[in-house]
Amino acid sequence: GSSIGEFQSALSAEGAEGEDCRFVDAPSVELVLEGITLSLGPRNYMRPLAIPAGIEVGSSRGVTMESGGQVDQPVASATASSDTGVASAGSAPKASHTCAPRMMPVNLPAPLGP
């Protein structure tokens, strides 16, 4: 849902063309699971290459279980916007690329899901 978008936005960072995003300055994530803490840094969750401004990669549906027991894999989509990335007079320049985490929602039926 909308929470994954907020989470992805919080983990994203400005990048440059050709930059290896696994080594950018970005927050660490800690997952606490019944007494075990799993710590993930950008090296573990970032896409390797920065994504150009205006490009969106991902799926709003994530991985879902369709009837018949087949797993439906999302198709990566790239949508270019009309934004050129050129700043107009009086505005701050936009980053040309973004380092974004590799994330995908997974929706499975009980007992694995909700």
PDB file of N, CA and C in Angstrom:
ATOM      1  N   GLY A   1       0.809  -1.183   0.000  1.00  0.00           N
ATOM      2  CA  GLY A   1       0.000   0.000   0.000  1.00  0.00           C
ATOM      3  C   GLY A   1       0.851   1.244   0.000  1.00  0.00           C
ATOM      4  N   SER A   2       0.317   2.322   0.535  1.00  0.00           N
ATOM      5  CA  SER A   2       1.024   3.597   0.553  1.00  0.00           C
ATOM      6  C   SER A   2       2.222   3.551   1.492  1.00  0.00           C
ATOM      7  N   SER A   3       2.220   2.680   2.464  1.00  0.00           N
ATOM      8  CA  SER A   3       3.337   2.591   3.413  1.00  0.00           C
ATOM      9  C   SER A   3       4.632   2.204   2.720  1.00  0.00           C
ATOM     10  N   ILE A   4       4.559   1.327   1.734  1.00  0.00           N
ATOM     11  CA  ILE A   4       5.789   0.908   1.055  1.00  0.00           C
ATOM     12  C   ILE A   4       6.385   2.072   0.277  1.00  0.00           C
ATOM     13  N   GLY A   5       5.536   2.949  -0.266  1.00  0.00           N
ATOM     14  CA  GLY A   5       6.035   4.124  -0.972  1.00  0.00           C
ATOM     15  C   GLY A   5       6.761   5.072  -0.041  1.00  0.00           C
ATOM     16  N   GLU A   6       6.213   5.272   1.150  1.00  0.00           N
ATOM     17  CA  GLU A   6       6.855   6.133   2.146  1.00  0.00           C
ATOM     18  C   GLU A   6       8.177   5.525   2.608  1.00  0.00           C
ATOM     19  N   PHE A   7       8.188   4.223   2.807  1.00  0.00           N
ATOM     20  CA  PHE A   7       9.393   3.516   3.244  1.00  0.00           C
ATOM     21  C   PHE A   7      10.466   3.614   2.167  1.00  0.00           C
ATOM     22  N   GLN A   8      10.069   3.410   0.902  1.00  0.00           N
ATOM     23  CA  GLN A   8      11.016   3.484  -0.204  1.00  0.00           C
ATOM     24  C   GLN A   8      11.570   4.899  -0.337  1.00  0.00           C
ATOM     25  N   SER A   9      10.722   5.888  -0.176  1.00  0.00           N
ATOM     26  CA  SER A   9      11.159   7.278  -0.260  1.00  0.00           C
ATOM     27  C   SER A   9      12.162   7.617   0.851  1.00  0.00           C
ATOM     28  N   ALA A  10      11.907   7.106   2.049  1.00  0.00           N
ATOM     29  CA  ALA A  10      12.795   7.375   3.188  1.00  0.00           C
ATOM     30  C   ALA A  10      14.180   6.745   2.997  1.00  0.00           C
ATOM     31  N   LEU A  11      14.263   5.657   2.225  1.00  0.00           N
ATOM     32  CA  LEU A  11      15.534   4.970   2.011  1.00  0.00           C
ATOM     33  C   LEU A  11      16.257   5.441   0.752  1.00  0.00           C
ATOM     34  N   SER A  12      15.603   6.259  -0.078  1.00  0.00           N
ATOM     35  CA  SER A  12      16.208   6.748  -1.315  1.00  0.00           C
ATOM     36  C   SER A  12      17.185   7.879  -1.024  1.00  0.00           C
ATOM     37  N   ALA A  13      18.139   8.060  -1.926  1.00  0.00           N
ATOM     38  CA  ALA A  13      19.143   9.116  -1.777  1.00  0.00           C
ATOM     39  C   ALA A  13      19.481   9.679  -3.155  1.00  0.00           C
ATOM     40  N   GLU A  14      20.001  10.900  -3.181  1.00  0.00           N
ATOM     41  CA  GLU A  14      20.439  11.480  -4.443  1.00  0.00           C
ATOM     42  C   GLU A  14      21.629  10.697  -4.968  1.00  0.00           C
ATOM     43  N   GLY A  15      21.684  10.555  -6.289  1.00  0.00           N
ATOM     44  CA  GLY A  15      22.783   9.827  -6.900  1.00  0.00           C
ATOM     45  C   GLY A  15      23.269  10.534  -8.143  1.00  0.00           C
ATOM     46  N   ALA A  16      24.256   9.947  -8.786  1.00  0.00           N
ATOM     47  CA  ALA A  16      24.816  10.481 -10.019  1.00  0.00           C
ATOM     48  C   ALA A  16      24.866   9.363 -11.054  1.00  0.00           C
ATOM     49  N   GLU A  17      24.858   9.738 -12.319  1.00  0.00           N
ATOM     50  CA  GLU A  17      24.905   8.754 -13.393  1.00  0.00           C
ATOM     51  C   GLU A  17      26.134   7.866 -13.237  1.00  0.00           C
ATOM     52  N   GLY A  18      25.926   6.546 -13.283  1.00  0.00           N
ATOM     53  CA  GLY A  18      27.016   5.590 -13.179  1.00  0.00           C
ATOM     54  C   GLY A  18      27.485   5.299 -11.764  1.00  0.00           C
ATOM     55  N   GLU A  19      26.920   5.979 -10.772  1.00  0.00           N
ATOM     56  CA  GLU A  19      27.324   5.772  -9.383  1.00  0.00           C
ATOM     57  C   GLU A  19      26.835   4.426  -8.861  1.00  0.00           C
ATOM     58  N   ASP A  20      27.655   3.770  -8.060  1.00  0.00           N
ATOM     59  CA  ASP A  20      27.254   2.529  -7.411  1.00  0.00           C
ATOM     60  C   ASP A  20      26.513   2.898  -6.133  1.00  0.00           C
ATOM     61  N   CYS A  21      25.190   2.751  -6.165  1.00  0.00           N
ATOM     62  CA  CYS A  21      24.338   3.191  -5.052  1.00  0.00           C
ATOM     63  C   CYS A  21      24.513   2.358  -3.786  1.00  0.00           C
ATOM     64  N   ARG A  22      25.138   1.211  -3.886  1.00  0.00           N
ATOM     65  CA  ARG A  22      25.340   0.386  -2.690  1.00  0.00           C
ATOM     66  C   ARG A  22      26.308   1.040  -1.712  1.00  0.00           C
ATOM     67  N   PHE A  23      27.002   2.100  -2.157  1.00  0.00           N
ATOM     68  CA  PHE A  23      27.990   2.751  -1.308  1.00  0.00           C
ATOM     69  C   PHE A  23      27.629   4.204  -0.997  1.00  0.00           C
ATOM     70  N   VAL A  24      26.360   4.602  -1.207  1.00  0.00           N
ATOM     71  CA  VAL A  24      25.932   5.973  -0.881  1.00  0.00           C
ATOM     72  C   VAL A  24      25.663   6.097   0.608  1.00  0.00           C
ATOM     73  N   ASP A  25      25.589   7.339   1.062  1.00  0.00           N
ATOM     74  CA  ASP A  25      25.257   7.620   2.448  1.00  0.00           C
ATOM     75  C   ASP A  25      23.734   7.549   2.580  1.00  0.00           C
ATOM     76  N   ALA A  26      23.237   6.458   3.119  1.00  0.00           N
ATOM     77  CA  ALA A  26      21.800   6.234   3.281  1.00  0.00           C
ATOM     78  C   ALA A  26      21.580   5.533   4.619  1.00  0.00           C
ATOM     79  N   PRO A  27      20.334   5.584   5.129  1.00  0.00           N
ATOM     80  CA  PRO A  27      20.072   4.989   6.445  1.00  0.00           C
ATOM     81  C   PRO A  27      20.214   3.464   6.459  1.00  0.00           C
ATOM     82  N   SER A  28      20.489   2.949   7.645  1.00  0.00           N
ATOM     83  CA  SER A  28      20.489   1.496   7.858  1.00  0.00           C
ATOM     84  C   SER A  28      19.091   1.084   8.298  1.00  0.00           C
ATOM     85  N   VAL A  29      18.746  -0.160   8.059  1.00  0.00           N
ATOM     86  CA  VAL A  29      17.450  -0.702   8.445  1.00  0.00           C
ATOM     87  C   VAL A  29      17.706  -1.846   9.417  1.00  0.00           C
ATOM     88  N   GLU A  30      16.971  -1.863  10.533  1.00  0.00           N
ATOM     89  CA  GLU A  30      17.084  -2.956  11.491  1.00  0.00           C
ATOM     90  C   GLU A  30      15.742  -3.663  11.590  1.00  0.00           C
ATOM     91  N   LEU A  31      15.740  -4.968  11.362  1.00  0.00           N
ATOM     92  CA  LEU A  31      14.552  -5.796  11.499  1.00  0.00           C
ATOM     93  C   LEU A  31      14.727  -6.662  12.739  1.00  0.00           C
ATOM     94  N   VAL A  32      13.812  -6.539  13.690  1.00  0.00           N
ATOM     95  CA  VAL A  32      13.882  -7.324  14.923  1.00  0.00           C
ATOM     96  C   VAL A  32      12.867  -8.446  14.810  1.00  0.00           C
ATOM     97  N   LEU A  33      13.364  -9.677  14.827  1.00  0.00           N
ATOM     98  CA  LEU A  33      12.533 -10.863  14.661  1.00  0.00           C
ATOM     99  C   LEU A  33      12.746 -11.824  15.820  1.00  0.00           C
ATOM    100  N   GLU A  34      11.834 -11.859  16.752  1.00  0.00           N
ATOM    101  CA  GLU A  34      11.876 -12.781  17.889  1.00  0.00           C
ATOM    102  C   GLU A  34      13.277 -12.971  18.461  1.00  0.00           C
ATOM    103  N   GLY A  35      13.884 -11.874  18.927  1.00  0.00           N
ATOM    104  CA  GLY A  35      15.178 -11.960  19.584  1.00  0.00           C
ATOM    105  C   GLY A  35      16.370 -11.860  18.664  1.00  0.00           C
ATOM    106  N   ILE A  36      16.166 -11.805  17.371  1.00  0.00           N
ATOM    107  CA  ILE A  36      17.269 -11.678  16.413  1.00  0.00           C
ATOM    108  C   ILE A  36      17.124 -10.330  15.720  1.00  0.00           C
ATOM    109  N   THR A  37      18.208  -9.581  15.625  1.00  0.00           N
ATOM    110  CA  THR A  37      18.187  -8.300  14.920  1.00  0.00           C
ATOM    111  C   THR A  37      18.995  -8.437  13.642  1.00  0.00           C
ATOM    112  N   LEU A  38      18.344  -8.146  12.532  1.00  0.00           N
ATOM    113  CA  LEU A  38      18.981  -8.190  11.223  1.00  0.00           C
ATOM    114  C   LEU A  38      19.227  -6.747  10.795  1.00  0.00           C
ATOM    115  N   SER A  39      20.492  -6.368  10.645  1.00  0.00           N
ATOM    116  CA  SER A  39      20.853  -5.004  10.247  1.00  0.00           C
ATOM    117  C   SER A  39      21.234  -4.985   8.776  1.00  0.00           C
ATOM    118  N   LEU A  40      20.588  -4.084   8.023  1.00  0.00           N
ATOM    119  CA  LEU A  40      20.851  -3.964   6.590  1.00  0.00           C
ATOM    120  C   LEU A  40      21.300  -2.551   6.276  1.00  0.00           C
ATOM    121  N   GLY A  41      22.412  -2.425   5.585  1.00  0.00           N
ATOM    122  CA  GLY A  41      22.894  -1.129   5.138  1.00  0.00           C
ATOM    123  C   GLY A  41      22.602  -0.969   3.657  1.00  0.00           C
ATOM    124  N   PRO A  42      22.890   0.188   3.094  1.00  0.00           N
ATOM    125  CA  PRO A  42      22.647   0.411   1.666  1.00  0.00           C
ATOM    126  C   PRO A  42      23.292  -0.644   0.774  1.00  0.00           C
ATOM    127  N   ARG A  43      24.392  -1.191   1.208  1.00  0.00           N
ATOM    128  CA  ARG A  43      25.075  -2.235   0.422  1.00  0.00           C
ATOM    129  C   ARG A  43      24.161  -3.441   0.223  1.00  0.00           C
ATOM    130  N   ASN A  44      23.247  -3.676   1.196  1.00  0.00           N
ATOM    131  CA  ASN A  44      22.358  -4.824   1.139  1.00  0.00           C
ATOM    132  C   ASN A  44      21.042  -4.559   0.412  1.00  0.00           C
ATOM    133  N   TYR A  45      20.555  -3.304   0.434  1.00  0.00           N
ATOM    134  CA  TYR A  45      19.212  -3.074  -0.104  1.00  0.00           C
ATOM    135  C   TYR A  45      19.128  -2.143  -1.311  1.00  0.00           C
ATOM    136  N   MET A  46      20.189  -1.444  -1.656  1.00  0.00           N
ATOM    137  CA  MET A  46      20.124  -0.500  -2.778  1.00  0.00           C
ATOM    138  C   MET A  46      20.283  -1.193  -4.126  1.00  0.00           C
ATOM    139  N   ARG A  47      19.624  -0.623  -5.130  1.00  0.00           N
ATOM    140  CA  ARG A  47      19.877  -1.036  -6.510  1.00  0.00           C
ATOM    141  C   ARG A  47      21.312  -0.616  -6.829  1.00  0.00           C
ATOM    142  N   PRO A  48      22.035  -1.384  -7.627  1.00  0.00           N
ATOM    143  CA  PRO A  48      23.425  -1.014  -7.912  1.00  0.00           C
ATOM    144  C   PRO A  48      23.577   0.322  -8.643  1.00  0.00           C
ATOM    145  N   LEU A  49      22.718   0.602  -9.615  1.00  0.00           N
ATOM    146  CA  LEU A  49      22.863   1.818 -10.406  1.00  0.00           C
ATOM    147  C   LEU A  49      21.787   2.834 -10.076  1.00  0.00           C
ATOM    148  N   ALA A  50      22.165   4.115 -10.131  1.00  0.00           N
ATOM    149  CA  ALA A  50      21.224   5.201  -9.902  1.00  0.00           C
ATOM    150  C   ALA A  50      20.229   5.256 -11.059  1.00  0.00           C
ATOM    151  N   ILE A  51      18.989   5.609 -10.733  1.00  0.00           N
ATOM    152  CA  ILE A  51      17.914   5.680 -11.714  1.00  0.00           C
ATOM    153  C   ILE A  51      17.775   7.134 -12.168  1.00  0.00           C
ATOM    154  N   PRO A  52      17.735   7.375 -13.509  1.00  0.00           N
ATOM    155  CA  PRO A  52      17.582   8.748 -13.992  1.00  0.00           C
ATOM    156  C   PRO A  52      16.280   9.377 -13.507  1.00  0.00           C
ATOM    157  N   ALA A  53      16.285  10.705 -13.301  1.00  0.00           N
ATOM    158  CA  ALA A  53      15.085  11.428 -12.877  1.00  0.00           C
ATOM    159  C   ALA A  53      13.957  11.184 -13.874  1.00  0.00           C
ATOM    160  N   GLY A  54      12.743  10.971 -13.358  1.00  0.00           N
ATOM    161  CA  GLY A  54      11.577  10.760 -14.208  1.00  0.00           C
ATOM    162  C   GLY A  54      11.306   9.308 -14.557  1.00  0.00           C
ATOM    163  N   ILE A  55      12.187   8.401 -14.184  1.00  0.00           N
ATOM    164  CA  ILE A  55      11.991   6.981 -14.459  1.00  0.00           C
ATOM    165  C   ILE A  55      11.486   6.312 -13.193  1.00  0.00           C
ATOM    166  N   GLU A  56      10.446   5.491 -13.337  1.00  0.00           N
ATOM    167  CA  GLU A  56       9.870   4.781 -12.207  1.00  0.00           C
ATOM    168  C   GLU A  56       9.966   3.282 -12.482  1.00  0.00           C
ATOM    169  N   VAL A  57      10.569   2.540 -11.576  1.00  0.00           N
ATOM    170  CA  VAL A  57      10.739   1.104 -11.753  1.00  0.00           C
ATOM    171  C   VAL A  57       9.994   0.396 -10.643  1.00  0.00           C
ATOM    172  N   GLY A  58       9.188  -0.592 -10.984  1.00  0.00           N
ATOM    173  CA  GLY A  58       8.510  -1.354  -9.947  1.00  0.00           C
ATOM    174  C   GLY A  58       7.106  -1.764 -10.325  1.00  0.00           C
ATOM    175  N   SER A  59       6.391  -2.271  -9.357  1.00  0.00           N
ATOM    176  CA  SER A  59       5.038  -2.752  -9.540  1.00  0.00           C
ATOM    177  C   SER A  59       4.222  -2.373  -8.321  1.00  0.00           C
ATOM    178  N   SER A  60       3.028  -1.872  -8.550  1.00  0.00           N
ATOM    179  CA  SER A  60       2.171  -1.521  -7.417  1.00  0.00           C
ATOM    180  C   SER A  60       1.532  -2.751  -6.796  1.00  0.00           C
ATOM    181  N   ARG A  61       1.452  -3.866  -7.535  1.00  0.00           N
ATOM    182  CA  ARG A  61       0.840  -5.088  -7.026  1.00  0.00           C
ATOM    183  C   ARG A  61       1.810  -5.966  -6.266  1.00  0.00           C
ATOM    184  N   GLY A  62       3.086  -5.905  -6.592  1.00  0.00           N
ATOM    185  CA  GLY A  62       4.053  -6.788  -5.947  1.00  0.00           C
ATOM    186  C   GLY A  62       3.850  -8.226  -6.399  1.00  0.00           C
ATOM    187  N   VAL A  63       4.271  -9.169  -5.598  1.00  0.00           N
ATOM    188  CA  VAL A  63       4.081 -10.582  -5.894  1.00  0.00           C
ATOM    189  C   VAL A  63       2.818 -11.028  -5.185  1.00  0.00           C
ATOM    190  N   THR A  64       1.890 -11.590  -5.924  1.00  0.00           N
ATOM    191  CA  THR A  64       0.640 -12.059  -5.338  1.00  0.00           C
ATOM    192  C   THR A  64       0.415 -13.509  -5.719  1.00  0.00           C
ATOM    193  N   MET A  65      -0.398 -14.206  -4.931  1.00  0.00           N
ATOM    194  CA  MET A  65      -0.731 -15.592  -5.217  1.00  0.00           C
ATOM    195  C   MET A  65      -2.076 -15.603  -5.918  1.00  0.00           C
ATOM    196  N   GLU A  66      -2.073 -15.986  -7.180  1.00  0.00           N
ATOM    197  CA  GLU A  66      -3.305 -16.065  -7.955  1.00  0.00           C
ATOM    198  C   GLU A  66      -3.981 -17.408  -7.676  1.00  0.00           C
ATOM    199  N   SER A  67      -5.259 -17.514  -8.005  1.00  0.00           N
ATOM    200  CA  SER A  67      -5.967 -18.782  -7.817  1.00  0.00           C
ATOM    201  C   SER A  67      -5.295 -19.865  -8.651  1.00  0.00           C
ATOM    202  N   GLY A  68      -5.274 -21.059  -8.161  1.00  0.00           N
ATOM    203  CA  GLY A  68      -4.606 -22.154  -8.839  1.00  0.00           C
ATOM    204  C   GLY A  68      -3.189 -22.371  -8.348  1.00  0.00           C
ATOM    205  N   GLY A  69      -2.754 -21.574  -7.366  1.00  0.00           N
ATOM    206  CA  GLY A  69      -1.447 -21.789  -6.761  1.00  0.00           C
ATOM    207  C   GLY A  69      -0.278 -21.253  -7.560  1.00  0.00           C
ATOM    208  N   GLN A  70      -0.501 -20.533  -8.636  1.00  0.00           N
ATOM    209  CA  GLN A  70       0.574 -19.968  -9.439  1.00  0.00           C
ATOM    210  C   GLN A  70       0.978 -18.611  -8.866  1.00  0.00           C
ATOM    211  N   VAL A  71       2.260 -18.349  -8.781  1.00  0.00           N
ATOM    212  CA  VAL A  71       2.731 -17.060  -8.301  1.00  0.00           C
ATOM    213  C   VAL A  71       2.787 -16.114  -9.488  1.00  0.00           C
ATOM    214  N   ASP A  72       2.146 -14.950  -9.337  1.00  0.00           N
ATOM    215  CA  ASP A  72       2.112 -13.930 -10.369  1.00  0.00           C
ATOM    216  C   ASP A  72       3.277 -12.983 -10.158  1.00  0.00           C
ATOM    217  N   GLN A  73       4.249 -12.979 -11.073  1.00  0.00           N
ATOM    218  CA  GLN A  73       5.413 -12.106 -10.962  1.00  0.00           C
ATOM    219  C   GLN A  73       5.114 -10.766 -11.618  1.00  0.00           C
ATOM    220  N   PRO A  74       5.429  -9.656 -10.955  1.00  0.00           N
ATOM    221  CA  PRO A  74       5.192  -8.355 -11.566  1.00  0.00           C
ATOM    222  C   PRO A  74       6.179  -8.096 -12.685  1.00  0.00           C
ATOM    223  N   VAL A  75       5.797  -7.235 -13.592  1.00  0.00           N
ATOM    224  CA  VAL A  75       6.660  -6.847 -14.696  1.00  0.00           C
ATOM    225  C   VAL A  75       7.234  -5.476 -14.370  1.00  0.00           C
ATOM    226  N   ALA A  76       8.549  -5.338 -14.490  1.00  0.00           N
ATOM    227  CA  ALA A  76       9.162  -4.037 -14.225  1.00  0.00           C
ATOM    228  C   ALA A  76       8.717  -3.077 -15.305  1.00  0.00           C
ATOM    229  N   SER A  77       8.336  -1.873 -14.905  1.00  0.00           N
ATOM    230  CA  SER A  77       7.895  -0.878 -15.868  1.00  0.00           C
ATOM    231  C   SER A  77       8.787   0.337 -15.774  1.00  0.00           C
ATOM    232  N   ALA A  78       9.031   0.955 -16.889  1.00  0.00           N
ATOM    233  CA  ALA A  78       9.799   2.196 -16.911  1.00  0.00           C
ATOM    234  C   ALA A  78       8.914   3.242 -17.562  1.00  0.00           C
ATOM    235  N   THR A  79       8.597   4.272 -16.801  1.00  0.00           N
ATOM    236  CA  THR A  79       7.733   5.323 -17.294  1.00  0.00           C
ATOM    237  C   THR A  79       8.509   6.625 -17.279  1.00  0.00           C
ATOM    238  N   ALA A  80       8.696   7.203 -18.430  1.00  0.00           N
ATOM    239  CA  ALA A  80       9.412   8.473 -18.497  1.00  0.00           C
ATOM    240  C   ALA A  80       8.411   9.609 -18.367  1.00  0.00           C
ATOM    241  N   SER A  81       8.786  10.613 -17.607  1.00  0.00           N
ATOM    242  CA  SER A  81       7.926  11.784 -17.476  1.00  0.00           C
ATOM    243  C   SER A  81       8.435  12.877 -18.397  1.00  0.00           C
ATOM    244  N   SER A  82       7.679  13.960 -18.476  1.00  0.00           N
ATOM    245  CA  SER A  82       8.090  15.067 -19.327  1.00  0.00           C
ATOM    246  C   SER A  82       9.099  15.963 -18.627  1.00  0.00           C
ATOM    247  N   ASP A  83       9.453  15.664 -17.385  1.00  0.00           N
ATOM    248  CA  ASP A  83      10.410  16.460 -16.619  1.00  0.00           C
ATOM    249  C   ASP A  83      11.801  16.302 -17.217  1.00  0.00           C
ATOM    250  N   THR A  84      12.416  17.421 -17.566  1.00  0.00           N
ATOM    251  CA  THR A  84      13.738  17.360 -18.182  1.00  0.00           C
ATOM    252  C   THR A  84      14.851  17.395 -17.163  1.00  0.00           C
ATOM    253  N   GLY A  85      14.519  17.726 -15.908  1.00  0.00           N
ATOM    254  CA  GLY A  85      15.538  17.811 -14.884  1.00  0.00           C
ATOM    255  C   GLY A  85      16.242  19.154 -14.888  1.00  0.00           C
ATOM    256  N   VAL A  86      15.835  20.089 -15.780  1.00  0.00           N
ATOM    257  CA  VAL A  86      16.435  21.410 -15.842  1.00  0.00           C
ATOM    258  C   VAL A  86      15.688  22.314 -14.880  1.00  0.00           C
ATOM    259  N   ALA A  87      16.398  22.975 -14.013  1.00  0.00           N
ATOM    260  CA  ALA A  87      15.765  23.843 -13.016  1.00  0.00           C
ATOM    261  C   ALA A  87      15.383  25.170 -13.649  1.00  0.00           C
ATOM    262  N   SER A  88      14.218  25.678 -13.275  1.00  0.00           N
ATOM    263  CA  SER A  88      13.805  26.986 -13.753  1.00  0.00           C
ATOM    264  C   SER A  88      14.420  28.049 -12.859  1.00  0.00           C
ATOM    265  N   ALA A  89      14.410  29.281 -13.328  1.00  0.00           N
ATOM    266  CA  ALA A  89      15.016  30.373 -12.574  1.00  0.00           C
ATOM    267  C   ALA A  89      14.371  30.496 -11.195  1.00  0.00           C
ATOM    268  N   GLY A  90      15.198  30.588 -10.158  1.00  0.00           N
ATOM    269  CA  GLY A  90      14.702  30.776  -8.804  1.00  0.00           C
ATOM    270  C   GLY A  90      14.390  29.485  -8.068  1.00  0.00           C
ATOM    271  N   SER A  91      14.565  28.329  -8.690  1.00  0.00           N
ATOM    272  CA  SER A  91      14.298  27.066  -7.992  1.00  0.00           C
ATOM    273  C   SER A  91      15.588  26.287  -7.827  1.00  0.00           C
ATOM    274  N   ALA A  92      15.599  25.407  -6.824  1.00  0.00           N
ATOM    275  CA  ALA A  92      16.786  24.588  -6.583  1.00  0.00           C
ATOM    276  C   ALA A  92      16.912  23.545  -7.677  1.00  0.00           C
ATOM    277  N   PRO A  93      18.127  23.221  -8.133  1.00  0.00           N
ATOM    278  CA  PRO A  93      18.290  22.207  -9.172  1.00  0.00           C
ATOM    279  C   PRO A  93      17.897  20.833  -8.647  1.00  0.00           C
ATOM    280  N   LYS A  94      17.294  20.040  -9.518  1.00  0.00           N
ATOM    281  CA  LYS A  94      16.883  18.690  -9.140  1.00  0.00           C
ATOM    282  C   LYS A  94      18.037  17.726  -9.375  1.00  0.00           C
ATOM    283  N   ALA A  95      18.083  16.673  -8.591  1.00  0.00           N
ATOM    284  CA  ALA A  95      19.100  15.648  -8.788  1.00  0.00           C
ATOM    285  C   ALA A  95      18.844  14.959 -10.126  1.00  0.00           C
ATOM    286  N   SER A  96      19.902  14.645 -10.855  1.00  0.00           N
ATOM    287  CA  SER A  96      19.726  14.011 -12.158  1.00  0.00           C
ATOM    288  C   SER A  96      19.419  12.521 -12.021  1.00  0.00           C
ATOM    289  N   HIS A  97      19.806  11.926 -10.899  1.00  0.00           N
ATOM    290  CA  HIS A  97      19.590  10.509 -10.665  1.00  0.00           C
ATOM    291  C   HIS A  97      19.225  10.272  -9.192  1.00  0.00           C
ATOM    292  N   THR A  98      18.575   9.141  -8.937  1.00  0.00           N
ATOM    293  CA  THR A  98      18.193   8.765  -7.581  1.00  0.00           C
ATOM    294  C   THR A  98      18.681   7.355  -7.287  1.00  0.00           C
ATOM    295  N   CYS A  99      19.239   7.168  -6.110  1.00  0.00           N
ATOM    296  CA  CYS A  99      19.575   5.832  -5.635  1.00  0.00           C
ATOM    297  C   CYS A  99      18.352   5.329  -4.873  1.00  0.00           C
ATOM    298  N   ALA A 100      17.768   4.252  -5.365  1.00  0.00           N
ATOM    299  CA  ALA A 100      16.525   3.743  -4.788  1.00  0.00           C
ATOM    300  C   ALA A 100      16.720   2.313  -4.289  1.00  0.00           C
ATOM    301  N   PRO A 101      16.034   1.957  -3.195  1.00  0.00           N
ATOM    302  CA  PRO A 101      16.151   0.589  -2.677  1.00  0.00           C
ATOM    303  C   PRO A 101      15.430  -0.416  -3.562  1.00  0.00           C
ATOM    304  N   ARG A 102      15.885  -1.652  -3.518  1.00  0.00           N
ATOM    305  CA  ARG A 102      15.195  -2.755  -4.206  1.00  0.00           C
ATOM    306  C   ARG A 102      14.138  -3.251  -3.238  1.00  0.00           C
ATOM    307  N   MET A 103      12.891  -2.974  -3.552  1.00  0.00           N
ATOM    308  CA  MET A 103      11.788  -3.382  -2.677  1.00  0.00           C
ATOM    309  C   MET A 103      10.640  -3.895  -3.523  1.00  0.00           C
ATOM    310  N   MET A 104       9.911  -4.856  -2.971  1.00  0.00           N
ATOM    311  CA  MET A 104       8.741  -5.385  -3.649  1.00  0.00           C
ATOM    312  C   MET A 104       7.769  -5.889  -2.598  1.00  0.00           C
ATOM    313  N   PRO A 105       6.519  -5.412  -2.644  1.00  0.00           N
ATOM    314  CA  PRO A 105       5.538  -5.946  -1.688  1.00  0.00           C
ATOM    315  C   PRO A 105       5.206  -7.395  -2.042  1.00  0.00           C
ATOM    316  N   VAL A 106       4.959  -8.194  -1.037  1.00  0.00           N
ATOM    317  CA  VAL A 106       4.585  -9.593  -1.236  1.00  0.00           C
ATOM    318  C   VAL A 106       3.269  -9.830  -0.509  1.00  0.00           C
ATOM    319  N   ASN A 107       2.252 -10.272  -1.230  1.00  0.00           N
ATOM    320  CA  ASN A 107       0.936 -10.519  -0.668  1.00  0.00           C
ATOM    321  C   ASN A 107       0.588 -11.994  -0.842  1.00  0.00           C
ATOM    322  N   LEU A 108       0.671 -12.746   0.231  1.00  0.00           N
ATOM    323  CA  LEU A 108       0.396 -14.180   0.184  1.00  0.00           C
ATOM    324  C   LEU A 108      -0.755 -14.521   1.116  1.00  0.00           C
ATOM    325  N   PRO A 109      -1.536 -15.547   0.783  1.00  0.00           N
ATOM    326  CA  PRO A 109      -2.645 -15.950   1.661  1.00  0.00           C
ATOM    327  C   PRO A 109      -2.122 -16.601   2.945  1.00  0.00           C
ATOM    328  N   ALA A 110      -2.987 -16.690   3.953  1.00  0.00           N
ATOM    329  CA  ALA A 110      -2.650 -17.376   5.216  1.00  0.00           C
ATOM    330  C   ALA A 110      -2.231 -18.804   4.897  1.00  0.00           C
ATOM    331  N   PRO A 111      -1.299 -19.363   5.588  1.00  0.00           N
ATOM    332  CA  PRO A 111      -0.722 -18.944   6.864  1.00  0.00           C
ATOM    333  C   PRO A 111       0.486 -18.012   6.702  1.00  0.00           C
ATOM    334  N   LEU A 112       0.957 -17.749   5.476  1.00  0.00           N
ATOM    335  CA  LEU A 112       2.137 -16.889   5.292  1.00  0.00           C
ATOM    336  C   LEU A 112       1.803 -15.418   5.320  1.00  0.00           C
ATOM    337  N   GLY A 113       0.629 -15.036   4.868  1.00  0.00           N
ATOM    338  CA  GLY A 113       0.237 -13.635   4.792  1.00  0.00           C
ATOM    339  C   GLY A 113      -0.817 -13.284   5.815  1.00  0.00           C
ATOM    340  N   PRO A 114      -1.486 -12.149   5.563  1.00  0.00           N
ATOM    341  CA  PRO A 114      -2.484 -11.666   6.524  1.00  0.00           C
ATOM    342  C   PRO A 114      -3.661 -12.551   6.684  1.00  0.00           C
TER     343      PRO A 114
END
